[in-house]
Amino acid sequence: MPNKPNKPKKCPICGKPETPNHAPFCSRGCKDRDLLKWLGDGYRIPGPPADPERVDSDGDDS
């Protein structure tokens, strides 16, 4: 079975080829845009808000 040539990986933000210095992104700009999306809840999964009564904040199981 012949080996398939490896396709260059693409930046998940803009689709340009990734660079080793910024992998998996193509540039510092795309890397920063992704970080800002994480910090701004851009990757949030929709769902109902958490119930504060059921959240165990101190780790005490008593």
C-alpha atoms as a PDB file:
ATOM      1  CA  MET A   1       0.000   0.000   0.000  1.00  0.00           C
ATOM      2  CA  PRO A   2       1.649   3.295  -1.031  1.00  0.00           C
ATOM      3  CA  ASN A   3       2.164   6.014   1.555  1.00  0.00           C
ATOM      4  CA  LYS A   4      -0.027   9.055   1.117  1.00  0.00           C
ATOM      5  CA  PRO A   5       1.837  12.370   1.136  1.00  0.00           C
ATOM      6  CA  ASN A   6       1.267  14.380   4.290  1.00  0.00           C
ATOM      7  CA  LYS A   7      -0.969  17.363   3.717  1.00  0.00           C
ATOM      8  CA  PRO A   8       0.290  20.557   5.345  1.00  0.00           C
ATOM      9  CA  LYS A   9      -1.750  21.367   8.422  1.00  0.00           C
ATOM     10  CA  LYS A  10      -3.879  24.484   8.237  1.00  0.00           C
ATOM     11  CA  CYS A  11      -4.393  27.244  10.782  1.00  0.00           C
ATOM     12  CA  PRO A  12      -7.765  26.709  12.536  1.00  0.00           C
ATOM     13  CA  ILE A  13      -8.460  30.467  12.463  1.00  0.00           C
ATOM     14  CA  CYS A  14      -7.705  31.512   8.870  1.00  0.00           C
ATOM     15  CA  GLY A  15      -6.801  28.327   6.963  1.00  0.00           C
ATOM     16  CA  LYS A  16      -3.259  29.344   5.963  1.00  0.00           C
ATOM     17  CA  PRO A  17      -0.479  26.747   6.434  1.00  0.00           C
ATOM     18  CA  GLU A  18       0.724  26.463  10.035  1.00  0.00           C
ATOM     19  CA  THR A  19       4.229  27.558  10.974  1.00  0.00           C
ATOM     20  CA  PRO A  20       6.480  25.709  13.432  1.00  0.00           C
ATOM     21  CA  ASN A  21       6.918  28.814  15.617  1.00  0.00           C
ATOM     22  CA  HIS A  22       3.161  29.267  16.104  1.00  0.00           C
ATOM     23  CA  ALA A  23       1.759  25.738  15.590  1.00  0.00           C
ATOM     24  CA  PRO A  24      -1.062  24.931  15.147  1.00  0.00           C
ATOM     25  CA  PHE A  25      -1.542  28.528  13.957  1.00  0.00           C
ATOM     26  CA  CYS A  26       0.061  30.414  11.069  1.00  0.00           C
ATOM     27  CA  SER A  27       1.053  33.552  12.973  1.00  0.00           C
ATOM     28  CA  ARG A  28       1.121  35.306  16.318  1.00  0.00           C
ATOM     29  CA  GLY A  29      -2.018  37.208  15.276  1.00  0.00           C
ATOM     30  CA  CYS A  30      -4.090  34.052  14.824  1.00  0.00           C
ATOM     31  CA  LYS A  31      -2.676  32.620  18.043  1.00  0.00           C
ATOM     32  CA  ASP A  32      -3.727  35.770  19.931  1.00  0.00           C
ATOM     33  CA  ARG A  33      -7.186  35.801  18.300  1.00  0.00           C
ATOM     34  CA  ASP A  34      -7.739  32.235  19.512  1.00  0.00           C
ATOM     35  CA  LEU A  35      -6.655  33.168  23.055  1.00  0.00           C
ATOM     36  CA  LEU A  36      -9.030  36.146  23.067  1.00  0.00           C
ATOM     37  CA  LYS A  37     -11.859  33.871  21.959  1.00  0.00           C
ATOM     38  CA  TRP A  38     -11.146  31.544  24.919  1.00  0.00           C
ATOM     39  CA  LEU A  39     -10.945  34.462  27.354  1.00  0.00           C
ATOM     40  CA  GLY A  40     -14.167  35.967  26.024  1.00  0.00           C
ATOM     41  CA  ASP A  41     -16.144  32.707  26.352  1.00  0.00           C
ATOM     42  CA  GLY A  42     -16.228  32.304  22.567  1.00  0.00           C
ATOM     43  CA  TYR A  43     -15.830  28.541  22.929  1.00  0.00           C
ATOM     44  CA  ARG A  44     -18.561  28.237  25.564  1.00  0.00           C
ATOM     45  CA  ILE A  45     -20.896  25.252  25.304  1.00  0.00           C
ATOM     46  CA  PRO A  46     -24.512  26.404  25.511  1.00  0.00           C
ATOM     47  CA  GLY A  47     -26.559  25.040  28.355  1.00  0.00           C
ATOM     48  CA  PRO A  48     -28.442  26.000  31.485  1.00  0.00           C
ATOM     49  CA  PRO A  49     -26.532  27.965  34.132  1.00  0.00           C
ATOM     50  CA  ALA A  50     -25.005  25.978  36.984  1.00  0.00           C
ATOM     51  CA  ASP A  51     -27.037  25.769  40.189  1.00  0.00           C
ATOM     52  CA  PRO A  52     -24.965  27.499  42.922  1.00  0.00           C
ATOM     53  CA  GLU A  53     -26.546  25.227  45.569  1.00  0.00           C
ATOM     54  CA  ARG A  54     -25.140  22.127  43.841  1.00  0.00           C
ATOM     55  CA  VAL A  55     -21.642  23.510  43.226  1.00  0.00           C
ATOM     56  CA  ASP A  56     -19.147  22.217  45.776  1.00  0.00           C
ATOM     57  CA  SER A  57     -16.735  25.145  46.098  1.00  0.00           C
ATOM     58  CA  ASP A  58     -14.732  24.093  49.181  1.00  0.00           C
ATOM     59  CA  GLY A  59     -14.172  20.416  48.298  1.00  0.00           C
ATOM     60  CA  ASP A  60     -15.690  19.188  51.621  1.00  0.00           C
ATOM     61  CA  ASP A  61     -17.744  16.025  51.152  1.00  0.00           C
ATOM     62  CA  SER A  62     -19.475  16.148  54.533  1.00  0.00           C
END
